[in-house]
Amino acid sequence: MNPAREVKTERFSRTEGKTPAFVEGEVQKLLDAVETSTHTGLRDRALLGVLAYTFARIGAVVNLKVEDYYPSGKRYLLRFKEKGGKEKELPVHHKLEELLDQYLKASSLEKEPGAPLFPASIGKTGKLSRRPLVRTDAADMLKRRLKQAGLPAHYSPHSFRATGITNFLENDGTLEAAQRIAGHADSRTTKLYDRRGQRVLLEDMERIRY
């Protein structure tokens, strides 16, 4: 008989997720590396911008329509359709507004409110169809853009959630607000995306000097 079997201990609980987060400066490097001479390039930069500035799930991003980006007073909002059919509206960061406005004007999509906000491209023409991207299309696009920018290939669309939440909390954002932006039902889920502890650990390890 194992005498330790009857001893109750705390159940293991993960405090941080496994999704890799971008290192400081890498998101901007990725956005800057996207060529903008074609409609496809402008679309890719805008889509990556939405991931970076809203921490939205990739499934919700590819399901956006042009009409889901709309003015409210002096600012614009994005309306996401989340899990379970829930809708979430978020104010748009001014830098993201610039990316979306430039893209929609150049592609003339601003005149088609019912069209997908991020349609698939037509072959390698640089032009856009009216068929929406799917999640795998967006993930493949990210891999190509990472390679072009000279960044590690292990990042995924989900990495923007970990990066955005960490960045938001580092800049004095509250956990409650991060939870609302991310669309999490439980703040414990939001905490899984907080990578601040990992960065402190790295700083501590660098104190070891021989």
C-alpha atoms as a PDB file:
ATOM      1  CA  MET A   1       0.000   0.000   0.000  1.00  0.00           C
ATOM      2  CA  ASN A   2       1.250   3.452  -0.918  1.00  0.00           C
ATOM      3  CA  PRO A   3       0.950   5.646   2.218  1.00  0.00           C
ATOM      4  CA  ALA A   4       1.027   8.810   0.105  1.00  0.00           C
ATOM      5  CA  ARG A   5      -2.035   7.786  -1.876  1.00  0.00           C
ATOM      6  CA  GLU A   6      -4.447   9.071   0.767  1.00  0.00           C
ATOM      7  CA  VAL A   7      -2.717  12.437   1.094  1.00  0.00           C
ATOM      8  CA  LYS A   8      -4.683  15.169  -0.681  1.00  0.00           C
ATOM      9  CA  THR A   9      -2.613  17.700  -2.586  1.00  0.00           C
ATOM     10  CA  GLU A  10      -3.488  20.676  -4.775  1.00  0.00           C
ATOM     11  CA  ARG A  11      -4.365  19.756  -8.332  1.00  0.00           C
ATOM     12  CA  PHE A  12      -1.806  20.964 -10.874  1.00  0.00           C
ATOM     13  CA  SER A  13      -2.890  24.174 -12.564  1.00  0.00           C
ATOM     14  CA  ARG A  14      -1.110  25.876 -15.446  1.00  0.00           C
ATOM     15  CA  THR A  15      -0.499  29.575 -14.748  1.00  0.00           C
ATOM     16  CA  GLU A  16       0.696  30.512 -18.241  1.00  0.00           C
ATOM     17  CA  GLY A  17      -0.297  29.284 -21.685  1.00  0.00           C
ATOM     18  CA  LYS A  18       1.967  27.617 -24.207  1.00  0.00           C
ATOM     19  CA  THR A  19       1.286  30.020 -27.081  1.00  0.00           C
ATOM     20  CA  PRO A  20       4.530  31.864 -27.955  1.00  0.00           C
ATOM     21  CA  ALA A  21       4.300  35.651 -27.736  1.00  0.00           C
ATOM     22  CA  PHE A  22       6.170  38.038 -30.009  1.00  0.00           C
ATOM     23  CA  VAL A  23       9.306  39.667 -28.627  1.00  0.00           C
ATOM     24  CA  GLU A  24       9.257  43.460 -28.291  1.00  0.00           C
ATOM     25  CA  GLY A  25       9.511  45.135 -31.681  1.00  0.00           C
ATOM     26  CA  GLU A  26       8.660  42.042 -33.720  1.00  0.00           C
ATOM     27  CA  VAL A  27       5.002  42.896 -34.399  1.00  0.00           C
ATOM     28  CA  GLN A  28       5.946  46.284 -35.847  1.00  0.00           C
ATOM     29  CA  LYS A  29       8.743  44.669 -37.849  1.00  0.00           C
ATOM     30  CA  LEU A  30       6.218  42.211 -39.277  1.00  0.00           C
ATOM     31  CA  LEU A  31       3.791  44.971 -40.265  1.00  0.00           C
ATOM     32  CA  ASP A  32       6.548  47.103 -41.798  1.00  0.00           C
ATOM     33  CA  ALA A  33       7.804  44.189 -43.897  1.00  0.00           C
ATOM     34  CA  VAL A  34       4.509  43.728 -45.749  1.00  0.00           C
ATOM     35  CA  GLU A  35       4.671  45.232 -49.241  1.00  0.00           C
ATOM     36  CA  THR A  36       1.714  47.503 -49.926  1.00  0.00           C
ATOM     37  CA  SER A  37       1.887  47.855 -53.716  1.00  0.00           C
ATOM     38  CA  THR A  38      -0.932  45.318 -54.194  1.00  0.00           C
ATOM     39  CA  HIS A  39      -4.403  44.879 -52.758  1.00  0.00           C
ATOM     40  CA  THR A  40      -3.278  41.546 -51.299  1.00  0.00           C
ATOM     41  CA  GLY A  41      -0.412  43.216 -49.455  1.00  0.00           C
ATOM     42  CA  LEU A  42      -2.696  45.912 -48.057  1.00  0.00           C
ATOM     43  CA  ARG A  43      -5.179  43.225 -46.993  1.00  0.00           C
ATOM     44  CA  ASP A  44      -2.499  41.188 -45.232  1.00  0.00           C
ATOM     45  CA  ARG A  45      -1.164  44.205 -43.343  1.00  0.00           C
ATOM     46  CA  ALA A  46      -4.681  45.230 -42.279  1.00  0.00           C
ATOM     47  CA  LEU A  47      -5.570  41.697 -41.160  1.00  0.00           C
ATOM     48  CA  LEU A  48      -2.378  41.397 -39.125  1.00  0.00           C
ATOM     49  CA  GLY A  49      -3.133  44.837 -37.691  1.00  0.00           C
ATOM     50  CA  VAL A  50      -6.557  43.682 -36.510  1.00  0.00           C
ATOM     51  CA  LEU A  51      -4.964  40.695 -34.774  1.00  0.00           C
ATOM     52  CA  ALA A  52      -2.340  42.939 -33.169  1.00  0.00           C
ATOM     53  CA  TYR A  53      -4.602  45.740 -31.961  1.00  0.00           C
ATOM     54  CA  THR A  54      -7.697  43.798 -30.860  1.00  0.00           C
ATOM     55  CA  PHE A  55      -6.337  40.394 -29.609  1.00  0.00           C
ATOM     56  CA  ALA A  56      -9.271  38.918 -31.560  1.00  0.00           C
ATOM     57  CA  ARG A  57      -9.549  35.225 -32.377  1.00  0.00           C
ATOM     58  CA  ILE A  58      -8.585  34.487 -35.967  1.00  0.00           C
ATOM     59  CA  GLY A  59     -11.975  32.858 -36.589  1.00  0.00           C
ATOM     60  CA  ALA A  60     -13.744  36.099 -35.667  1.00  0.00           C
ATOM     61  CA  VAL A  61     -11.369  38.182 -37.814  1.00  0.00           C
ATOM     62  CA  VAL A  62     -11.823  36.219 -41.048  1.00  0.00           C
ATOM     63  CA  ASN A  63     -15.612  36.350 -40.555  1.00  0.00           C
ATOM     64  CA  LEU A  64     -15.686  40.158 -40.513  1.00  0.00           C
ATOM     65  CA  LYS A  65     -17.617  41.984 -43.216  1.00  0.00           C
ATOM     66  CA  VAL A  66     -16.874  45.481 -44.462  1.00  0.00           C
ATOM     67  CA  GLU A  67     -19.981  46.752 -42.631  1.00  0.00           C
ATOM     68  CA  ASP A  68     -18.538  45.473 -39.341  1.00  0.00           C
ATOM     69  CA  TYR A  69     -16.062  48.381 -39.492  1.00  0.00           C
ATOM     70  CA  TYR A  70     -18.168  51.471 -38.980  1.00  0.00           C
ATOM     71  CA  PRO A  71     -18.046  55.003 -37.503  1.00  0.00           C
ATOM     72  CA  SER A  72     -19.407  55.897 -34.084  1.00  0.00           C
ATOM     73  CA  GLY A  73     -18.937  59.573 -33.302  1.00  0.00           C
ATOM     74  CA  LYS A  74     -15.369  60.563 -34.077  1.00  0.00           C
ATOM     75  CA  ARG A  75     -13.986  57.016 -33.910  1.00  0.00           C
ATOM     76  CA  TYR A  76     -14.561  53.728 -35.656  1.00  0.00           C
ATOM     77  CA  LEU A  77     -15.687  50.428 -34.156  1.00  0.00           C
ATOM     78  CA  LEU A  78     -15.177  46.804 -35.146  1.00  0.00           C
ATOM     79  CA  ARG A  79     -18.005  44.361 -34.516  1.00  0.00           C
ATOM     80  CA  PHE A  80     -16.860  40.787 -33.979  1.00  0.00           C
ATOM     81  CA  LYS A  81     -19.015  37.673 -33.911  1.00  0.00           C
ATOM     82  CA  GLU A  82     -17.500  35.545 -31.156  1.00  0.00           C
ATOM     83  CA  LYS A  83     -18.007  31.994 -29.921  1.00  0.00           C
ATOM     84  CA  GLY A  84     -21.604  31.015 -29.230  1.00  0.00           C
ATOM     85  CA  GLY A  85     -22.961  33.702 -31.550  1.00  0.00           C
ATOM     86  CA  LYS A  86     -22.047  36.532 -29.185  1.00  0.00           C
ATOM     87  CA  GLU A  87     -21.235  39.932 -30.654  1.00  0.00           C
ATOM     88  CA  LYS A  88     -18.479  42.183 -29.358  1.00  0.00           C
ATOM     89  CA  GLU A  89     -17.820  45.777 -30.374  1.00  0.00           C
ATOM     90  CA  LEU A  90     -14.413  47.370 -29.852  1.00  0.00           C
ATOM     91  CA  PRO A  91     -13.157  50.917 -30.498  1.00  0.00           C
ATOM     92  CA  VAL A  92     -10.461  50.872 -33.181  1.00  0.00           C
ATOM     93  CA  HIS A  93      -6.917  51.977 -32.316  1.00  0.00           C
ATOM     94  CA  HIS A  94      -5.896  54.999 -34.402  1.00  0.00           C
ATOM     95  CA  LYS A  95      -3.012  53.100 -36.027  1.00  0.00           C
ATOM     96  CA  LEU A  96      -5.357  50.297 -37.022  1.00  0.00           C
ATOM     97  CA  GLU A  97      -7.786  52.862 -38.471  1.00  0.00           C
ATOM     98  CA  GLU A  98      -5.015  54.052 -40.786  1.00  0.00           C
ATOM     99  CA  LEU A  99      -4.277  50.506 -41.984  1.00  0.00           C
ATOM    100  CA  LEU A 100      -7.944  49.670 -42.585  1.00  0.00           C
ATOM    101  CA  ASP A 101      -8.786  52.989 -44.274  1.00  0.00           C
ATOM    102  CA  GLN A 102      -5.852  52.758 -46.669  1.00  0.00           C
ATOM    103  CA  TYR A 103      -6.725  49.168 -47.537  1.00  0.00           C
ATOM    104  CA  LEU A 104     -10.457  49.742 -48.038  1.00  0.00           C
ATOM    105  CA  LYS A 105      -9.942  52.834 -50.164  1.00  0.00           C
ATOM    106  CA  ALA A 106      -7.322  51.264 -52.432  1.00  0.00           C
ATOM    107  CA  SER A 107      -9.330  48.056 -52.923  1.00  0.00           C
ATOM    108  CA  SER A 108     -12.677  49.899 -53.297  1.00  0.00           C
ATOM    109  CA  LEU A 109     -14.165  47.514 -50.738  1.00  0.00           C
ATOM    110  CA  GLU A 110     -15.450  50.505 -48.791  1.00  0.00           C
ATOM    111  CA  LYS A 111     -18.252  50.656 -51.378  1.00  0.00           C
ATOM    112  CA  GLU A 112     -19.339  47.066 -50.683  1.00  0.00           C
ATOM    113  CA  PRO A 113     -20.612  46.826 -47.083  1.00  0.00           C
ATOM    114  CA  GLY A 114     -21.826  43.241 -47.471  1.00  0.00           C
ATOM    115  CA  ALA A 115     -18.503  41.938 -48.793  1.00  0.00           C
ATOM    116  CA  PRO A 116     -15.966  40.061 -46.660  1.00  0.00           C
ATOM    117  CA  LEU A 117     -13.560  42.492 -45.023  1.00  0.00           C
ATOM    118  CA  PHE A 118     -10.696  40.107 -45.816  1.00  0.00           C
ATOM    119  CA  PRO A 119     -11.446  38.253 -49.069  1.00  0.00           C
ATOM    120  CA  ALA A 120      -9.165  35.676 -50.654  1.00  0.00           C
ATOM    121  CA  SER A 121      -6.805  36.766 -53.407  1.00  0.00           C
ATOM    122  CA  ILE A 122      -7.126  35.745 -57.045  1.00  0.00           C
ATOM    123  CA  GLY A 123      -4.119  33.543 -57.615  1.00  0.00           C
ATOM    124  CA  LYS A 124      -0.914  35.577 -57.635  1.00  0.00           C
ATOM    125  CA  THR A 125      -2.443  38.605 -59.341  1.00  0.00           C
ATOM    126  CA  GLY A 126      -2.389  40.721 -56.186  1.00  0.00           C
ATOM    127  CA  LYS A 127      -6.117  41.348 -56.670  1.00  0.00           C
ATOM    128  CA  LEU A 128      -8.944  40.213 -54.417  1.00  0.00           C
ATOM    129  CA  SER A 129     -11.954  37.981 -55.003  1.00  0.00           C
ATOM    130  CA  ARG A 130     -15.112  38.238 -52.944  1.00  0.00           C
ATOM    131  CA  ARG A 131     -14.658  34.876 -51.274  1.00  0.00           C
ATOM    132  CA  PRO A 132     -13.786  35.196 -47.564  1.00  0.00           C
ATOM    133  CA  LEU A 133     -10.518  33.877 -46.229  1.00  0.00           C
ATOM    134  CA  VAL A 134     -10.711  30.890 -43.895  1.00  0.00           C
ATOM    135  CA  ARG A 135      -8.552  30.393 -40.804  1.00  0.00           C
ATOM    136  CA  THR A 136      -6.056  28.139 -42.556  1.00  0.00           C
ATOM    137  CA  ASP A 137      -5.601  30.751 -45.317  1.00  0.00           C
ATOM    138  CA  ALA A 138      -4.807  33.391 -42.705  1.00  0.00           C
ATOM    139  CA  ALA A 139      -2.403  31.089 -40.851  1.00  0.00           C
ATOM    140  CA  ASP A 140      -0.569  30.277 -44.099  1.00  0.00           C
ATOM    141  CA  MET A 141      -0.380  33.974 -44.929  1.00  0.00           C
ATOM    142  CA  LEU A 142       1.163  34.707 -41.539  1.00  0.00           C
ATOM    143  CA  LYS A 143       3.826  32.033 -42.103  1.00  0.00           C
ATOM    144  CA  ARG A 144       4.763  33.651 -45.438  1.00  0.00           C
ATOM    145  CA  ARG A 145       4.907  37.114 -43.921  1.00  0.00           C
ATOM    146  CA  LEU A 146       7.006  35.907 -40.990  1.00  0.00           C
ATOM    147  CA  LYS A 147       9.514  34.415 -43.407  1.00  0.00           C
ATOM    148  CA  GLN A 148       9.655  37.624 -45.450  1.00  0.00           C
ATOM    149  CA  ALA A 149      10.246  39.653 -42.273  1.00  0.00           C
ATOM    150  CA  GLY A 150      12.986  37.281 -41.088  1.00  0.00           C
ATOM    151  CA  LEU A 151      11.031  36.328 -37.957  1.00  0.00           C
ATOM    152  CA  PRO A 152      10.704  32.883 -36.299  1.00  0.00           C
ATOM    153  CA  ALA A 153       8.194  30.535 -37.922  1.00  0.00           C
ATOM    154  CA  HIS A 154       6.760  29.224 -34.635  1.00  0.00           C
ATOM    155  CA  TYR A 155       4.381  32.163 -34.216  1.00  0.00           C
ATOM    156  CA  SER A 156       0.693  31.659 -35.007  1.00  0.00           C
ATOM    157  CA  PRO A 157      -2.365  33.939 -35.214  1.00  0.00           C
ATOM    158  CA  HIS A 158      -2.959  33.082 -31.549  1.00  0.00           C
ATOM    159  CA  SER A 159       0.415  34.626 -30.671  1.00  0.00           C
ATOM    160  CA  PHE A 160      -1.145  38.052 -31.195  1.00  0.00           C
ATOM    161  CA  ARG A 161      -3.526  37.371 -28.285  1.00  0.00           C
ATOM    162  CA  ALA A 162      -0.688  36.543 -25.901  1.00  0.00           C
ATOM    163  CA  THR A 163       1.363  39.508 -27.139  1.00  0.00           C
ATOM    164  CA  GLY A 164      -1.508  41.996 -27.064  1.00  0.00           C
ATOM    165  CA  ILE A 165      -2.742  41.049 -23.605  1.00  0.00           C
ATOM    166  CA  THR A 166       0.791  41.166 -22.170  1.00  0.00           C
ATOM    167  CA  ASN A 167       1.488  44.524 -23.842  1.00  0.00           C
ATOM    168  CA  PHE A 168      -1.821  45.929 -22.575  1.00  0.00           C
ATOM    169  CA  LEU A 169      -1.109  44.863 -18.976  1.00  0.00           C
ATOM    170  CA  GLU A 170       2.475  46.165 -19.139  1.00  0.00           C
ATOM    171  CA  ASN A 171       1.109  49.579 -20.099  1.00  0.00           C
ATOM    172  CA  ASP A 172      -1.086  49.771 -16.979  1.00  0.00           C
ATOM    173  CA  GLY A 173      -4.190  48.195 -18.490  1.00  0.00           C
ATOM    174  CA  THR A 174      -6.361  46.314 -16.011  1.00  0.00           C
ATOM    175  CA  LEU A 175      -7.004  42.586 -16.082  1.00  0.00           C
ATOM    176  CA  GLU A 176     -10.753  43.284 -16.204  1.00  0.00           C
ATOM    177  CA  ALA A 177     -10.399  45.450 -19.329  1.00  0.00           C
ATOM    178  CA  ALA A 178      -8.084  42.879 -20.966  1.00  0.00           C
ATOM    179  CA  GLN A 179     -10.697  40.222 -20.253  1.00  0.00           C
ATOM    180  CA  ARG A 180     -13.416  42.313 -21.954  1.00  0.00           C
ATOM    181  CA  ILE A 181     -11.244  43.059 -25.000  1.00  0.00           C
ATOM    182  CA  ALA A 182     -10.251  39.413 -25.388  1.00  0.00           C
ATOM    183  CA  GLY A 183     -13.839  38.235 -24.918  1.00  0.00           C
ATOM    184  CA  HIS A 184     -13.011  35.792 -22.130  1.00  0.00           C
ATOM    185  CA  ALA A 185     -15.777  34.625 -19.818  1.00  0.00           C
ATOM    186  CA  ASP A 186     -13.300  34.066 -16.974  1.00  0.00           C
ATOM    187  CA  SER A 187     -10.348  36.263 -15.963  1.00  0.00           C
ATOM    188  CA  ARG A 188      -8.321  33.112 -15.241  1.00  0.00           C
ATOM    189  CA  THR A 189      -8.306  32.437 -18.977  1.00  0.00           C
ATOM    190  CA  THR A 190      -6.981  35.943 -19.621  1.00  0.00           C
ATOM    191  CA  LYS A 191      -4.189  35.370 -17.098  1.00  0.00           C
ATOM    192  CA  LEU A 192      -2.979  32.406 -19.147  1.00  0.00           C
ATOM    193  CA  TYR A 193      -2.008  34.862 -21.892  1.00  0.00           C
ATOM    194  CA  ASP A 194      -0.031  37.163 -19.587  1.00  0.00           C
ATOM    195  CA  ARG A 195       3.672  36.675 -20.346  1.00  0.00           C
ATOM    196  CA  ARG A 196       5.011  39.310 -17.943  1.00  0.00           C
ATOM    197  CA  GLY A 197       6.199  36.609 -15.561  1.00  0.00           C
ATOM    198  CA  GLN A 198       8.267  34.974 -18.284  1.00  0.00           C
ATOM    199  CA  ARG A 199      10.024  38.249 -19.010  1.00  0.00           C
ATOM    200  CA  VAL A 200      10.874  38.831 -15.367  1.00  0.00           C
ATOM    201  CA  LEU A 201      12.245  35.294 -15.183  1.00  0.00           C
ATOM    202  CA  LEU A 202      14.492  35.944 -18.180  1.00  0.00           C
ATOM    203  CA  GLU A 203      15.800  39.139 -16.585  1.00  0.00           C
ATOM    204  CA  ASP A 204      16.528  37.221 -13.398  1.00  0.00           C
ATOM    205  CA  MET A 205      18.376  34.471 -15.253  1.00  0.00           C
ATOM    206  CA  GLU A 206      20.563  37.030 -16.984  1.00  0.00           C
ATOM    207  CA  ARG A 207      21.838  38.081 -13.555  1.00  0.00           C
ATOM    208  CA  ILE A 208      23.907  34.900 -13.529  1.00  0.00           C
ATOM    209  CA  ARG A 209      27.327  36.027 -14.724  1.00  0.00           C
ATOM    210  CA  TYR A 210      30.508  33.943 -14.770  1.00  0.00           C
END
